[in-house]
Every structure is written in C-alpha cells, then in structure tokens.
Amino acid sequence: MRRVRPGVAAFRGRGASGASRGGGAPRAAGEERALTSVTAGQTREEPGDLPRLWHVTLSVSGDEAPLTEVRRALEQLAHDHPFLLTSRYACDHAEIRYWEEARDLHDAAAVALRLWGEHRQSAGLPPWEIVGLEVIDRDTYHQRVAEGCGPPPATPVGVHPF
C-alpha cells in the first residue's frame, strides 16, 4: 500500500481500459471504495496473498572475533527478536535458523537478507558478511527431516557453539 498526500491521486496499476485490477471502474480522486461484508468462514484474500511459514537458515562469516563477544551479540539478537530458533557460532562464522511468516519466498528471503545488517549495531554483531541463505517452505522442511536429509529440529533452542 502506497501512502500519498491528501488530494493526490495514486496510480494503482490500471490497464489500458482504465479499470482497476479488481475489474471495477476507475474511481475519481477522493472517491472511497465501497466496503463489502464477508460472512464467517469466507475470505476476500487470494490464496497467494496469505502468509506462509518459511524455514530460514542464514550463514555469516568474516574476520575472527572473540567468542564471548560473538555469543553475547547473538544472545542479544535472540532477545531482541524472539523468533530466532537457534544460533550456532564460532570465532569466524555463525548460522542462524528461524521460522519466518511471509507471503512468498521473495518476501522471506528479503527479510532474511536484511536481518544481519539491520541489527549489527543494536545487537553488537560482528562486521561479517552473509555467505549463505536457504529459505524453504514448511512442507519441504518437514519432508527433509522425515527423510533424514534435512537439519534435525532445532533442539536445543538458543545460542550454542559449533
């Protein structure tokens, strides 16, 4: 959803006919769209728009840092963001695993790729770079675990050395 100043019409991706994506007639500037009621059990969202669970594994690496500082930083990240399942670390690399709720893989990957950089200062994370990212849907994760091919479920949860 884009925000615009009052009185300024927003371009909403109308086709050559001028109709909106929903197939209705274009609205005049300032005209409100009529609300429709939804009875219990119904939904107005498209199936592709509903959030799904994605299992994310983010790998980072860089110059050596004291193990105590790496652990403290990962614990701070987990405290700030309790969605983190588990983190494993060494003096020059770490792996973070967690579940992300997102509309699609692109959204889940985008959030994951921003995680380390956005929290580097607040959590005191080492200046490492992202060297690996895996994002898989919930069904694939459980299928891999059942086949013995995937990572075991994240137990114990928390921050642990490799």
Protein backbone atom coordinates (compact mmCIF):
# COMPACT_ATOMS: atom_id res chain seq x y z
CA MET A 1 0.00 0.00 0.00
CA ARG A 2 1.43 3.36 -1.02
CA ARG A 3 0.81 6.46 1.02
CA VAL A 4 0.10 9.70 -0.80
CA ARG A 5 -0.69 13.22 0.25
CA PRO A 6 -4.39 14.06 0.59
CA GLY A 7 -5.83 15.27 -2.70
CA VAL A 8 -3.19 13.50 -4.82
CA ALA A 9 -4.42 10.52 -6.81
CA ALA A 10 -2.29 7.38 -6.60
CA PHE A 11 -1.55 5.28 -9.67
CA ARG A 12 -2.83 1.78 -8.93
CA GLY A 13 -1.71 -0.20 -11.97
CA ARG A 14 -4.74 0.36 -14.20
CA GLY A 15 -4.70 -1.36 -17.55
CA ALA A 16 -5.36 0.15 -20.98
CA SER A 17 -9.10 0.14 -20.31
CA GLY A 18 -8.62 2.24 -17.18
CA ALA A 19 -10.17 -0.45 -14.99
CA SER A 20 -8.56 -1.45 -11.73
CA ARG A 21 -7.06 -4.88 -11.09
CA GLY A 22 -10.31 -5.92 -9.46
CA GLY A 23 -12.19 -5.31 -12.69
CA GLY A 24 -14.23 -2.34 -11.47
CA ALA A 25 -14.47 1.11 -12.96
CA PRO A 26 -11.79 3.63 -12.08
CA ARG A 27 -12.51 5.86 -9.08
CA ALA A 28 -12.34 9.61 -9.13
CA ALA A 29 -9.80 11.31 -6.87
CA GLY A 30 -11.02 11.18 -3.27
CA GLU A 31 -13.78 8.68 -4.05
CA GLU A 32 -13.97 5.86 -1.49
CA ARG A 33 -14.27 2.22 -2.47
CA ALA A 34 -17.41 0.55 -1.14
CA LEU A 35 -16.86 -1.99 1.62
CA THR A 36 -18.27 -5.46 1.16
CA SER A 37 -19.20 -7.74 4.00
CA VAL A 38 -17.68 -11.15 4.46
CA THR A 39 -19.62 -13.82 6.29
CA ALA A 40 -17.98 -16.19 8.75
CA GLY A 41 -15.75 -18.71 7.01
CA GLN A 42 -15.28 -16.61 3.87
CA THR A 43 -12.21 -14.63 2.93
CA ARG A 44 -11.53 -11.85 0.44
CA GLU A 45 -7.83 -12.62 0.10
CA GLU A 46 -6.40 -14.54 -2.79
CA PRO A 47 -4.67 -17.81 -1.78
CA GLY A 48 -1.29 -16.46 -2.92
CA ASP A 49 -1.65 -13.45 -0.62
CA LEU A 50 -1.94 -15.46 2.61
CA PRO A 51 1.22 -15.67 4.70
CA ARG A 52 3.05 -18.99 4.88
CA LEU A 53 5.79 -20.30 7.14
CA TRP A 54 9.32 -20.46 5.74
CA HIS A 55 12.32 -22.06 7.43
CA VAL A 56 15.33 -19.76 7.09
CA THR A 57 18.99 -20.61 7.57
CA LEU A 58 21.29 -17.59 7.39
CA SER A 59 25.07 -18.14 7.33
CA VAL A 60 27.52 -15.33 8.03
CA SER A 61 31.32 -15.24 8.06
CA GLY A 62 34.23 -12.85 8.44
CA ASP A 63 37.34 -11.95 10.40
CA GLU A 64 37.81 -13.63 13.75
CA ALA A 65 36.11 -12.09 16.76
CA PRO A 66 36.31 -13.10 20.43
CA LEU A 67 33.91 -15.99 21.10
CA THR A 68 32.44 -14.26 24.15
CA GLU A 69 31.54 -11.20 22.06
CA VAL A 70 30.00 -13.33 19.28
CA ARG A 71 27.91 -15.25 21.80
CA ARG A 72 26.79 -12.09 23.60
CA ALA A 73 25.80 -10.46 20.29
CA LEU A 74 23.79 -13.49 19.15
CA GLU A 75 22.08 -13.70 22.54
CA GLN A 76 21.17 -10.02 22.23
CA LEU A 77 19.79 -10.62 18.73
CA ALA A 78 17.71 -13.54 20.05
CA HIS A 79 16.47 -11.38 22.93
CA ASP A 80 15.51 -8.54 20.58
CA HIS A 81 13.89 -10.95 18.12
CA PRO A 82 12.47 -14.00 19.90
CA PHE A 83 11.52 -15.61 16.57
CA LEU A 84 15.09 -16.94 16.33
CA LEU A 85 15.11 -20.70 16.93
CA THR A 86 18.78 -21.38 17.25
CA SER A 87 22.16 -19.87 16.52
CA ARG A 88 25.46 -21.70 16.21
CA TYR A 89 28.71 -19.82 16.21
CA ALA A 90 32.50 -19.94 16.06
CA CYS A 91 35.05 -17.15 16.15
CA ASP A 92 34.76 -16.52 12.38
CA HIS A 93 31.28 -17.69 11.33
CA ALA A 94 27.74 -18.25 12.55
CA GLU A 95 24.47 -19.80 11.45
CA ILE A 96 21.03 -18.54 12.43
CA ARG A 97 17.89 -20.65 11.97
CA TYR A 98 14.33 -19.45 12.41
CA TRP A 99 10.80 -19.53 11.04
CA GLU A 100 9.57 -16.52 9.06
CA GLU A 101 5.96 -15.79 8.17
CA ALA A 102 5.76 -14.23 4.71
CA ARG A 103 3.55 -14.13 1.64
CA ASP A 104 6.14 -15.82 -0.58
CA LEU A 105 9.78 -16.88 -0.79
CA HIS A 106 10.87 -13.48 -2.12
CA ASP A 107 9.49 -11.70 0.95
CA ALA A 108 11.01 -14.23 3.38
CA ALA A 109 14.41 -14.01 1.67
CA ALA A 110 14.32 -10.21 1.63
CA VAL A 111 13.71 -10.09 5.38
CA ALA A 112 16.49 -12.63 5.98
CA LEU A 113 18.98 -10.71 3.86
CA ARG A 114 18.33 -7.55 5.90
CA LEU A 115 18.46 -9.23 9.33
CA TRP A 116 22.23 -9.17 9.95
CA GLY A 117 22.89 -5.66 8.64
CA GLU A 118 19.89 -4.02 10.27
CA HIS A 119 20.77 -5.40 13.71
CA ARG A 120 24.55 -5.19 13.50
CA GLN A 121 24.74 -2.08 15.70
CA SER A 122 21.83 -2.70 18.08
CA ALA A 123 22.97 -6.24 18.93
CA GLY A 124 26.71 -5.58 18.55
CA LEU A 125 27.07 -8.22 15.83
CA PRO A 126 30.49 -8.72 14.20
CA PRO A 127 31.01 -6.97 10.82
CA TRP A 128 30.62 -10.25 8.95
CA GLU A 129 29.02 -10.72 5.57
CA ILE A 130 26.19 -13.04 4.61
CA VAL A 131 27.71 -16.05 2.83
CA GLY A 132 24.70 -18.33 2.63
CA LEU A 133 20.92 -18.29 2.70
CA GLU A 134 18.44 -21.10 2.48
CA VAL A 135 14.70 -20.47 2.55
CA ILE A 136 12.37 -23.46 2.27
CA ASP A 137 8.67 -23.83 2.84
CA ARG A 138 7.28 -25.70 5.84
CA ASP A 139 6.32 -28.83 3.89
CA THR A 140 9.79 -29.15 2.34
CA TYR A 141 11.43 -28.69 5.74
CA HIS A 142 9.30 -31.45 7.31
CA GLN A 143 9.81 -33.74 4.30
CA ARG A 144 13.60 -33.36 4.57
CA VAL A 145 13.55 -34.05 8.30
CA ALA A 146 11.35 -37.14 7.78
CA GLU A 147 13.74 -38.45 5.10
CA GLY A 148 16.76 -37.81 7.31
CA CYS A 149 18.16 -35.38 4.75
CA GLY A 150 17.48 -32.09 6.45
CA PRO A 151 18.71 -30.47 9.60
CA PRO A 152 17.29 -32.02 12.74
CA PRO A 153 14.67 -29.94 14.51
CA ALA A 154 16.30 -27.03 16.32
CA THR A 155 16.92 -28.51 19.73
CA PRO A 156 18.20 -27.27 21.97
CA VAL A 157 16.82 -23.84 21.15
CA GLY A 158 19.20 -20.98 21.84
CA VAL A 159 22.75 -19.85 21.12
CA HIS A 160 25.38 -22.62 21.00
CA PRO A 161 28.96 -23.08 19.76
CA PHE A 162 29.51 -25.27 16.68
